[in-house]
Amino acid sequence: MHVYINDFGQHVGEEVQVKGWLYNKRSKGKIHFLQIRDGTGIVQGVMRLGTVPDEAFEAAKRMGQESSIIVTGEVKEDARAPSGFELGVTALEVMQEVHEYPIALQEHGPDFLLSHRHLWLRSKKQAAIMRIRNRVSMAIRQFFDDRGFTLLDTPMFTPAACEGTTTLFEVDYFEDAKAYLTQSGQLYAEAGALALGKVYTFGPVFRAEKSKTRRHLTEFWMIEPEVAYADLDDIMDLAEAFICHIVQDVLAKNRSDLEDLERDISKLEAIKAPFPRISFDEAHELLLELGVQHAAGDDFGAPDETALGDHFGMPVMIHRWPKEIKSFYMKRDPENENYVLGVDVIGPEGSGELIGGSQREEDLDLLLSRIRAEGLPEEAFEWYIDLRRFGSVPHSGFGLGLERTLGWICGREHIRECIPFPRMLHRIYP
């Protein structure tokens, strides 16, 4: 009977079949200790000479890391084993005997590992990250489903910029037309919110930023809720609950993966609402108090975000930003026209900006004036302007970067480890 390793708890004392690969091996006289992985976990199989056919024992002696194998044996509880179980091997079938596997269980440089990403994914920590990524994706859908949101699939090809013309990937379209890979699904989500009340998008976005930092990818995944009749405070409440839900779900269901990553779980357990909420000006003053040089009105760089995140030790919401450093669609603060009703959520432990959001400008004339002031192609935004002509209402939304959030939860230094096949400035292989 074929059984997955993560289901061993239901089959103690039974003879089962594990279909997987050899992760590691050591031998001691007449015993082979086989580390077997099947994608759901790793278990040690103990093979003794005399309890298996001689040819199977010799085959185990020859085979190298990542040999594909089918192992039969009895599931035994073992408190000393990382998985809590051990497999008493009674039979072995080698599907393919592998030798000289490129990624041996030793240290390799990042460029080598990225060039062998298709194999690096098999390693214990990388597999744990992918399982946590899957869990976060499920938690995201559950969060919005439970709150009555509708998933809205937005286009990958767009006629114009959303976040700035300097970071667009331009592609040839039909009949000499130009199109661009989407930077965000937000503008289309606004149309969805005015049709369906509350929606969210979940998909890949693209930024042509020539950045080599550990926080940047050229292709990544974004989650973008948009809510009609919501103001800035409403959307900050939603963002706070959203982050808490994701972290709590991973803690509840992927603790063993976090342990494989040697993550300090206590730091995640401390993530609870309410999050600190400070204005941009208050954040500027705090940076100066912390000894960080920051010019009034300037955007925050990575060192600034790290200092703020470290100070609070949890996500901090920074709201009411100078209008010069935020997008045209953000609503101005009625109490001070020099600021917009925007919010960034800065994560702890150097994770940087996890969320960017705002209340949107719902006034037709004001939105038009900003499109023109930015020099944006008005004809490309005609459909977006229509949203203010026909039934405009206050509405708000935000975008959460999946890989940055995963990098923080998993305790990874670089978010390139948090997507199966990363795309960066000088990397599009494999």
Protein backbone atom coordinates (compact mmCIF):
# COMPACT_ATOMS: atom_id res chain seq x y z
CA MET A 1 0.00 0.00 0.00
CA HIS A 2 1.50 3.32 -1.10
CA VAL A 3 1.55 5.85 1.77
CA TYR A 4 2.97 9.38 1.90
CA ILE A 5 5.45 10.12 4.66
CA ASN A 6 3.32 12.86 6.18
CA ASP A 7 0.57 10.28 6.72
CA PHE A 8 2.75 7.79 8.64
CA GLY A 9 0.97 8.59 11.90
CA GLN A 10 -2.09 6.77 10.57
CA HIS A 11 -0.16 3.61 9.66
CA VAL A 12 2.03 2.70 12.66
CA GLY A 13 2.69 -1.03 12.72
CA GLU A 14 1.61 -1.49 9.09
CA GLU A 15 3.72 -2.45 6.11
CA VAL A 16 3.65 0.37 3.57
CA GLN A 17 5.30 1.41 0.34
CA VAL A 18 7.10 4.75 -0.02
CA LYS A 19 7.73 6.05 -3.52
CA GLY A 20 10.43 8.69 -3.53
CA TRP A 21 14.12 9.49 -3.73
CA LEU A 22 17.26 8.88 -1.69
CA TYR A 23 18.04 12.10 0.17
CA ASN A 24 21.09 10.84 2.07
CA LYS A 25 22.66 7.60 3.20
CA ARG A 26 25.11 6.21 5.70
CA SER A 27 26.17 2.63 6.26
CA LYS A 28 27.50 0.82 9.30
CA GLY A 29 28.56 -2.77 8.78
CA LYS A 30 25.47 -4.79 7.95
CA ILE A 31 23.05 -1.84 8.21
CA HIS A 32 22.14 0.92 5.75
CA PHE A 33 20.44 4.04 7.07
CA LEU A 34 18.51 5.52 4.17
CA GLN A 35 17.07 9.03 4.29
CA ILE A 36 14.06 8.82 1.98
CA ARG A 37 12.09 11.84 0.77
CA ASP A 38 8.80 11.80 -1.12
CA GLY A 39 7.93 15.50 -1.28
CA THR A 40 5.79 15.47 1.84
CA GLY A 41 8.63 14.75 4.25
CA ILE A 42 11.78 12.78 4.98
CA VAL A 43 11.97 9.52 6.91
CA GLN A 44 14.82 7.23 7.86
CA GLY A 45 14.61 3.72 6.52
CA VAL A 46 16.71 1.10 8.31
CA MET A 47 17.84 -1.76 6.06
CA ARG A 48 19.54 -4.75 7.67
CA LEU A 49 21.42 -7.51 5.85
CA GLY A 50 19.35 -10.66 6.02
CA THR A 51 15.98 -8.90 6.28
CA VAL A 52 16.08 -7.95 2.61
CA PRO A 53 17.32 -9.87 -0.44
CA ASP A 54 21.11 -9.64 -0.91
CA GLU A 55 20.69 -7.89 -4.27
CA ALA A 56 18.56 -5.18 -2.64
CA PHE A 57 21.20 -4.64 0.06
CA GLU A 58 23.91 -4.33 -2.60
CA ALA A 59 21.75 -1.97 -4.67
CA ALA A 60 21.35 0.28 -1.62
CA LYS A 61 25.11 0.24 -1.17
CA ARG A 62 25.67 1.45 -4.77
CA MET A 63 22.99 4.06 -5.23
CA GLY A 64 23.74 7.75 -4.80
CA GLN A 65 21.80 10.79 -3.69
CA GLU A 66 18.53 11.38 -5.58
CA SER A 67 18.29 7.82 -6.88
CA SER A 68 14.58 7.19 -7.41
CA ILE A 69 13.37 4.30 -5.30
CA ILE A 70 10.33 2.41 -4.06
CA VAL A 71 10.84 1.21 -0.49
CA THR A 72 8.64 -1.25 1.40
CA GLY A 73 8.73 -1.54 5.16
CA GLU A 74 6.99 -1.35 8.52
CA VAL A 75 6.16 2.07 10.00
CA LYS A 76 7.55 2.36 13.53
CA GLU A 77 7.23 5.18 16.03
CA ASP A 78 10.60 6.63 17.02
CA ALA A 79 10.73 9.69 19.27
CA ARG A 80 14.39 10.23 18.39
CA ALA A 81 13.66 10.65 14.69
CA PRO A 82 12.92 14.19 13.40
CA SER A 83 9.73 12.92 11.75
CA GLY A 84 8.75 10.85 14.81
CA PHE A 85 8.80 7.69 12.71
CA GLU A 86 11.16 5.18 11.21
CA LEU A 87 10.74 2.66 8.41
CA GLY A 88 11.93 -0.93 8.92
CA VAL A 89 12.87 -1.76 5.32
CA THR A 90 11.90 -5.15 3.92
CA ALA A 91 12.19 -4.49 0.18
CA LEU A 92 13.80 -2.01 -2.21
CA GLU A 93 13.21 -1.33 -5.88
CA VAL A 94 15.60 1.09 -7.59
CA MET A 95 13.87 2.94 -10.41
CA GLN A 96 16.99 4.86 -11.43
CA GLU A 97 20.44 4.63 -9.89
CA VAL A 98 21.94 8.13 -9.72
CA HIS A 99 25.58 9.11 -9.25
CA GLU A 100 27.36 12.47 -9.11
CA TYR A 101 24.24 14.47 -8.29
CA PRO A 102 25.25 18.13 -8.88
CA ILE A 103 23.88 19.46 -5.59
CA ALA A 104 25.46 17.27 -2.97
CA LEU A 105 24.69 17.89 0.70
CA GLN A 106 27.36 20.57 1.06
CA GLU A 107 27.72 24.34 0.73
CA HIS A 108 27.35 25.95 -2.69
CA GLY A 109 27.40 29.56 -3.81
CA PRO A 110 24.13 31.37 -4.66
CA ASP A 111 24.86 31.59 -8.39
CA PHE A 112 25.48 27.85 -8.62
CA LEU A 113 22.32 27.09 -6.69
CA LEU A 114 20.20 29.45 -8.80
CA SER A 115 21.59 27.93 -12.01
CA HIS A 116 20.50 24.54 -10.61
CA ARG A 117 17.23 25.83 -9.17
CA HIS A 118 15.35 22.92 -10.77
CA LEU A 119 17.35 20.60 -8.49
CA TRP A 120 17.81 22.96 -5.53
CA LEU A 121 14.06 22.80 -4.95
CA ARG A 122 14.57 19.21 -3.75
CA SER A 123 16.62 20.29 -0.73
CA LYS A 124 15.02 20.13 2.70
CA LYS A 125 14.81 23.86 3.34
CA GLN A 126 13.70 24.81 -0.15
CA ALA A 127 10.94 22.19 -0.07
CA ALA A 128 9.83 23.59 3.31
CA ILE A 129 9.59 27.10 1.83
CA MET A 130 7.47 25.83 -1.06
CA ARG A 131 5.11 24.06 1.34
CA ILE A 132 4.79 27.25 3.38
CA ARG A 133 4.16 29.20 0.17
CA ASN A 134 1.33 26.81 -0.60
CA ARG A 135 -0.07 27.25 2.91
CA VAL A 136 0.07 31.05 2.65
CA SER A 137 -1.76 30.91 -0.69
CA MET A 138 -4.48 28.79 0.87
CA ALA A 139 -4.71 31.11 3.89
CA ILE A 140 -5.09 34.11 1.58
CA ARG A 141 -8.01 32.57 -0.26
CA GLN A 142 -9.64 31.44 2.97
CA PHE A 143 -9.31 34.90 4.51
CA PHE A 144 -11.08 36.62 1.65
CA ASP A 145 -13.60 33.85 1.04
CA ASP A 146 -14.65 33.99 4.70
CA ARG A 147 -15.25 37.72 4.33
CA GLY A 148 -17.37 37.50 1.21
CA PHE A 149 -14.80 38.78 -1.29
CA THR A 150 -14.91 37.74 -4.95
CA LEU A 151 -11.68 36.71 -6.69
CA LEU A 152 -11.17 38.87 -9.79
CA ASP A 153 -8.68 37.73 -12.46
CA THR A 154 -7.06 40.80 -14.01
CA PRO A 155 -5.11 40.97 -17.31
CA MET A 156 -1.37 40.47 -17.69
CA PHE A 157 -1.28 42.77 -20.75
CA THR A 158 -2.14 46.40 -20.02
CA PRO A 159 -2.23 49.51 -22.22
CA ALA A 160 -0.58 51.84 -19.67
CA ALA A 161 1.35 52.14 -16.42
CA CYS A 162 -0.09 51.83 -12.95
CA GLU A 163 2.96 52.33 -10.74
CA GLY A 164 5.24 54.43 -12.96
CA THR A 165 6.39 54.37 -16.58
CA THR A 166 10.06 53.71 -15.75
CA THR A 167 9.43 50.15 -14.55
CA LEU A 168 7.34 48.82 -17.44
CA PHE A 169 8.17 45.76 -19.54
CA GLU A 170 7.10 46.68 -23.08
CA VAL A 171 6.02 43.94 -25.49
CA ASP A 172 4.97 43.94 -29.13
CA TYR A 173 1.25 43.49 -29.60
CA PHE A 174 -0.72 43.02 -32.82
CA GLU A 175 -0.54 45.44 -35.78
CA ASP A 176 2.46 47.35 -34.43
CA ALA A 177 0.67 48.17 -31.18
CA LYS A 178 2.50 48.22 -27.86
CA ALA A 179 1.39 46.58 -24.64
CA TYR A 180 2.96 46.26 -21.21
CA LEU A 181 3.25 43.49 -18.65
CA THR A 182 1.13 44.45 -15.69
CA GLN A 183 2.70 46.15 -12.67
CA SER A 184 -0.44 45.67 -10.61
CA GLY A 185 -4.04 44.51 -10.89
CA GLN A 186 -5.23 47.43 -8.79
CA LEU A 187 -6.88 49.64 -11.41
CA TYR A 188 -8.92 46.71 -12.69
CA ALA A 189 -9.72 45.69 -9.11
CA GLU A 190 -11.25 49.13 -8.63
CA ALA A 191 -13.64 48.38 -11.50
CA GLY A 192 -14.41 45.05 -9.84
CA ALA A 193 -15.12 46.67 -6.47
CA LEU A 194 -17.62 49.06 -8.02
CA ALA A 195 -19.33 46.09 -9.64
CA LEU A 196 -19.12 43.49 -6.85
CA GLY A 197 -18.56 45.50 -3.67
CA LYS A 198 -15.36 43.80 -2.51
CA VAL A 199 -12.89 41.87 -4.62
CA TYR A 200 -9.31 40.67 -4.56
CA THR A 201 -6.78 39.79 -7.23
CA PHE A 202 -4.07 37.15 -6.84
CA GLY A 203 -1.49 36.74 -9.57
CA PRO A 204 1.92 37.60 -11.01
CA VAL A 205 3.04 41.17 -11.67
CA PHE A 206 6.16 42.53 -13.37
CA ARG A 207 8.52 45.41 -12.57
CA ALA A 208 11.42 46.36 -14.82
CA GLU A 209 13.46 47.77 -11.95
CA LYS A 210 17.21 47.46 -12.44
CA SER A 211 17.65 46.51 -8.82
CA LYS A 212 19.88 43.81 -7.38
CA THR A 213 18.72 44.06 -3.78
CA ARG A 214 17.62 41.06 -1.76
CA ARG A 215 14.06 42.42 -1.70
CA HIS A 216 13.50 42.69 -5.45
CA LEU A 217 12.37 40.37 -8.25
CA THR A 218 11.27 41.33 -11.75
CA GLU A 219 8.35 38.88 -11.55
CA PHE A 220 6.50 38.28 -8.30
CA TRP A 221 3.00 37.63 -6.98
CA MET A 222 0.65 40.21 -5.53
CA ILE A 223 -2.59 40.00 -3.58
CA GLU A 224 -4.72 43.12 -4.01
CA PRO A 225 -8.08 43.56 -2.27
CA GLU A 226 -10.29 46.50 -3.20
CA VAL A 227 -13.38 47.56 -1.23
CA ALA A 228 -16.17 49.98 -2.16
CA TYR A 229 -17.33 52.41 0.54
CA ALA A 230 -14.09 51.82 2.50
CA ASP A 231 -11.78 54.54 3.82
CA LEU A 232 -8.16 54.47 4.91
CA ASP A 233 -8.94 53.25 8.43
CA ASP A 234 -11.10 50.41 7.03
CA ILE A 235 -8.32 49.19 4.79
CA MET A 236 -5.72 49.41 7.57
CA ASP A 237 -7.97 47.24 9.75
CA LEU A 238 -8.28 44.75 6.89
CA ALA A 239 -4.50 44.66 6.30
CA GLU A 240 -3.83 44.09 9.99
CA ALA A 241 -6.29 41.20 10.22
CA PHE A 242 -4.93 39.76 6.95
CA ILE A 243 -1.32 39.58 8.12
CA CYS A 244 -2.32 38.11 11.49
CA HIS A 245 -4.42 35.43 9.77
CA ILE A 246 -1.59 34.37 7.45
CA VAL A 247 0.98 34.10 10.25
CA GLN A 248 -1.36 32.22 12.57
CA ASP A 249 -2.31 29.74 9.84
CA VAL A 250 1.32 28.95 9.06
CA LEU A 251 2.10 28.53 12.75
CA ALA A 252 -0.82 26.16 13.15
CA LYS A 253 -0.18 24.00 10.10
CA ASN A 254 3.47 24.29 9.05
CA ARG A 255 5.38 24.39 12.33
CA SER A 256 7.62 21.48 11.32
CA ASP A 257 8.58 23.30 8.11
CA LEU A 258 9.47 26.41 10.13
CA GLU A 259 11.60 24.20 12.37
CA ASP A 260 13.37 22.74 9.31
CA LEU A 261 14.18 26.33 8.33
CA GLU A 262 15.53 26.96 11.87
CA ARG A 263 13.10 29.87 12.14
CA ASP A 264 12.75 31.63 15.50
CA ILE A 265 9.09 30.76 15.91
CA SER A 266 8.69 32.95 19.01
CA LYS A 267 9.01 36.05 16.82
CA LEU A 268 6.08 34.92 14.69
CA GLU A 269 4.03 33.98 17.74
CA ALA A 270 4.41 37.59 18.93
CA ILE A 271 2.61 38.92 15.82
CA LYS A 272 -0.78 40.00 17.13
CA ALA A 273 -3.10 42.94 16.57
CA PRO A 274 -3.11 45.83 17.08
CA PHE A 275 -0.09 46.93 15.04
CA PRO A 276 1.55 50.29 15.74
CA ARG A 277 0.14 53.06 13.50
CA ILE A 278 2.19 56.22 12.97
CA SER A 279 2.13 58.99 10.39
CA PHE A 280 4.93 59.52 7.88
CA ASP A 281 6.08 62.60 9.81
CA GLU A 282 6.11 60.63 13.07
CA ALA A 283 8.16 57.92 11.37
CA HIS A 284 10.63 60.57 10.14
CA GLU A 285 11.04 61.94 13.67
CA LEU A 286 11.45 58.43 15.07
CA LEU A 287 14.25 57.70 12.59
CA LEU A 288 16.10 60.80 13.75
CA GLU A 289 15.68 59.70 17.37
CA LEU A 290 17.10 56.29 16.42
CA GLY A 291 20.16 57.98 14.94
CA VAL A 292 19.20 57.27 11.30
CA GLN A 293 19.77 60.15 8.91
CA HIS A 294 16.61 60.85 6.94
CA ALA A 295 15.65 64.04 5.10
CA ALA A 296 12.14 65.32 5.73
CA GLY A 297 9.82 64.39 2.88
CA ASP A 298 12.12 61.76 1.34
CA ASP A 299 10.88 58.24 0.73
CA PHE A 300 12.14 55.54 3.05
CA GLY A 301 15.00 53.38 1.84
CA ALA A 302 15.84 49.85 2.94
CA PRO A 303 17.93 50.98 5.97
CA ASP A 304 15.08 53.25 7.11
CA GLU A 305 12.52 50.46 6.82
CA THR A 306 14.81 48.04 8.66
CA ALA A 307 15.33 50.52 11.52
CA LEU A 308 11.57 51.09 11.87
CA GLY A 309 10.78 47.38 11.74
CA ASP A 310 13.50 46.55 14.28
CA HIS A 311 12.29 49.29 16.62
CA PHE A 312 8.77 47.87 16.86
CA GLY A 313 9.60 44.18 16.41
CA MET A 314 6.36 43.68 14.52
CA PRO A 315 4.63 45.13 11.44
CA VAL A 316 4.20 48.91 11.69
CA MET A 317 1.65 50.88 9.65
CA ILE A 318 2.91 54.20 8.34
CA HIS A 319 0.13 56.40 6.99
CA ARG A 320 -0.37 59.84 5.40
CA TRP A 321 2.54 60.17 3.00
CA PRO A 322 3.82 63.22 1.11
CA LYS A 323 1.95 63.42 -2.18
CA GLU A 324 5.18 63.79 -4.20
CA ILE A 325 6.32 60.23 -3.47
CA LYS A 326 3.01 58.45 -3.98
CA SER A 327 0.86 57.54 -6.98
CA PHE A 328 -1.60 59.78 -8.81
CA TYR A 329 -4.66 57.76 -7.80
CA MET A 330 -4.26 58.23 -4.03
CA LYS A 331 -6.74 60.54 -2.34
CA ARG A 332 -5.36 63.71 -0.73
CA ASP A 333 -5.74 64.11 3.01
CA PRO A 334 -8.58 66.61 3.52
CA GLU A 335 -6.77 67.95 6.58
CA ASN A 336 -3.53 68.60 4.67
CA GLU A 337 -3.44 68.62 0.86
CA ASN A 338 0.30 67.98 0.89
CA TYR A 339 -0.31 64.42 2.05
CA VAL A 340 -2.21 61.44 0.66
CA LEU A 341 -4.34 58.89 2.52
CA GLY A 342 -1.86 56.11 1.89
CA VAL A 343 -0.41 53.41 4.11
CA ASP A 344 2.66 51.20 3.95
CA VAL A 345 3.06 48.23 6.28
CA ILE A 346 6.73 47.75 7.13
CA GLY A 347 7.62 44.28 8.35
CA PRO A 348 10.10 43.41 11.11
CA GLU A 349 13.47 41.63 10.84
CA GLY A 350 14.55 43.57 7.74
CA SER A 351 11.65 42.34 5.60
CA GLY A 352 10.82 45.83 4.32
CA GLU A 353 7.51 46.94 2.85
CA LEU A 354 5.00 44.10 2.94
CA ILE A 355 1.91 46.12 1.99
CA GLY A 356 1.25 49.36 0.14
CA GLY A 357 -2.29 50.73 0.04
CA SER A 358 -4.46 53.81 0.07
CA GLN A 359 -7.86 55.36 -0.16
CA ARG A 360 -8.39 56.09 -3.86
CA GLU A 361 -9.33 59.43 -5.36
CA GLU A 362 -13.03 59.17 -6.25
CA ASP A 363 -13.48 62.73 -7.59
CA LEU A 364 -13.53 62.89 -11.40
CA ASP A 365 -12.01 66.35 -11.82
CA LEU A 366 -9.25 65.76 -9.28
CA LEU A 367 -8.29 62.43 -10.83
CA LEU A 368 -8.20 63.95 -14.31
CA SER A 369 -6.00 66.81 -13.15
CA ARG A 370 -3.49 64.36 -11.66
CA ILE A 371 -3.38 62.16 -14.75
CA ARG A 372 -2.60 65.27 -16.80
CA ALA A 373 -0.05 66.57 -14.29
CA GLU A 374 1.79 63.22 -14.45
CA GLY A 375 1.81 63.36 -18.26
CA LEU A 376 0.06 60.00 -18.48
CA PRO A 377 -1.77 59.02 -21.71
CA GLU A 378 -5.33 60.09 -20.95
CA GLU A 379 -6.83 57.91 -23.68
CA ALA A 380 -5.34 54.77 -22.10
CA PHE A 381 -7.05 55.64 -18.82
CA GLU A 382 -10.43 56.51 -20.31
CA TRP A 383 -12.03 53.35 -18.92
CA TYR A 384 -10.54 54.07 -15.48
CA ILE A 385 -11.87 57.63 -15.58
CA ASP A 386 -15.32 56.21 -16.38
CA LEU A 387 -15.35 54.68 -12.89
CA ARG A 388 -15.55 58.25 -11.57
CA ARG A 389 -18.21 59.30 -14.07
CA PHE A 390 -20.71 56.57 -13.33
CA GLY A 391 -21.49 55.84 -9.68
CA SER A 392 -18.24 56.93 -8.06
CA VAL A 393 -17.91 56.20 -4.33
CA PRO A 394 -15.10 56.30 -1.75
CA HIS A 395 -13.08 53.11 -2.04
CA SER A 396 -9.76 51.74 -0.82
CA GLY A 397 -7.37 48.86 -1.29
CA PHE A 398 -3.85 47.56 -0.84
CA GLY A 399 -1.32 45.20 -2.35
CA LEU A 400 0.67 42.56 -0.45
CA GLY A 401 3.81 41.10 -2.00
CA LEU A 402 3.72 37.33 -1.55
CA GLU A 403 7.47 36.74 -1.76
CA ARG A 404 8.40 39.49 0.70
CA THR A 405 5.83 38.16 3.13
CA LEU A 406 7.20 34.63 2.70
CA GLY A 407 10.75 35.88 3.13
CA TRP A 408 9.79 37.35 6.48
CA ILE A 409 7.76 34.33 7.68
CA CYS A 410 10.45 31.86 6.58
CA GLY A 411 13.35 33.97 7.85
CA ARG A 412 15.07 34.09 4.46
CA GLU A 413 17.69 36.70 3.68
CA HIS A 414 16.77 36.93 -0.03
CA ILE A 415 13.28 36.61 -1.48
CA ARG A 416 14.68 34.75 -4.50
CA GLU A 417 14.28 31.61 -2.35
CA CYS A 418 10.57 32.28 -1.94
CA ILE A 419 9.44 31.73 -5.54
CA PRO A 420 9.99 28.46 -7.43
CA PHE A 421 11.96 29.98 -10.33
CA PRO A 422 13.12 33.55 -9.58
CA ARG A 423 13.45 36.20 -12.28
CA MET A 424 15.98 38.92 -11.52
CA LEU A 425 17.95 41.59 -13.34
CA HIS A 426 20.52 39.18 -14.76
CA ARG A 427 18.70 35.87 -14.35
CA ILE A 428 16.01 34.26 -16.46
CA TYR A 429 17.41 30.68 -16.37
CA PRO A 430 16.23 28.03 -15.71
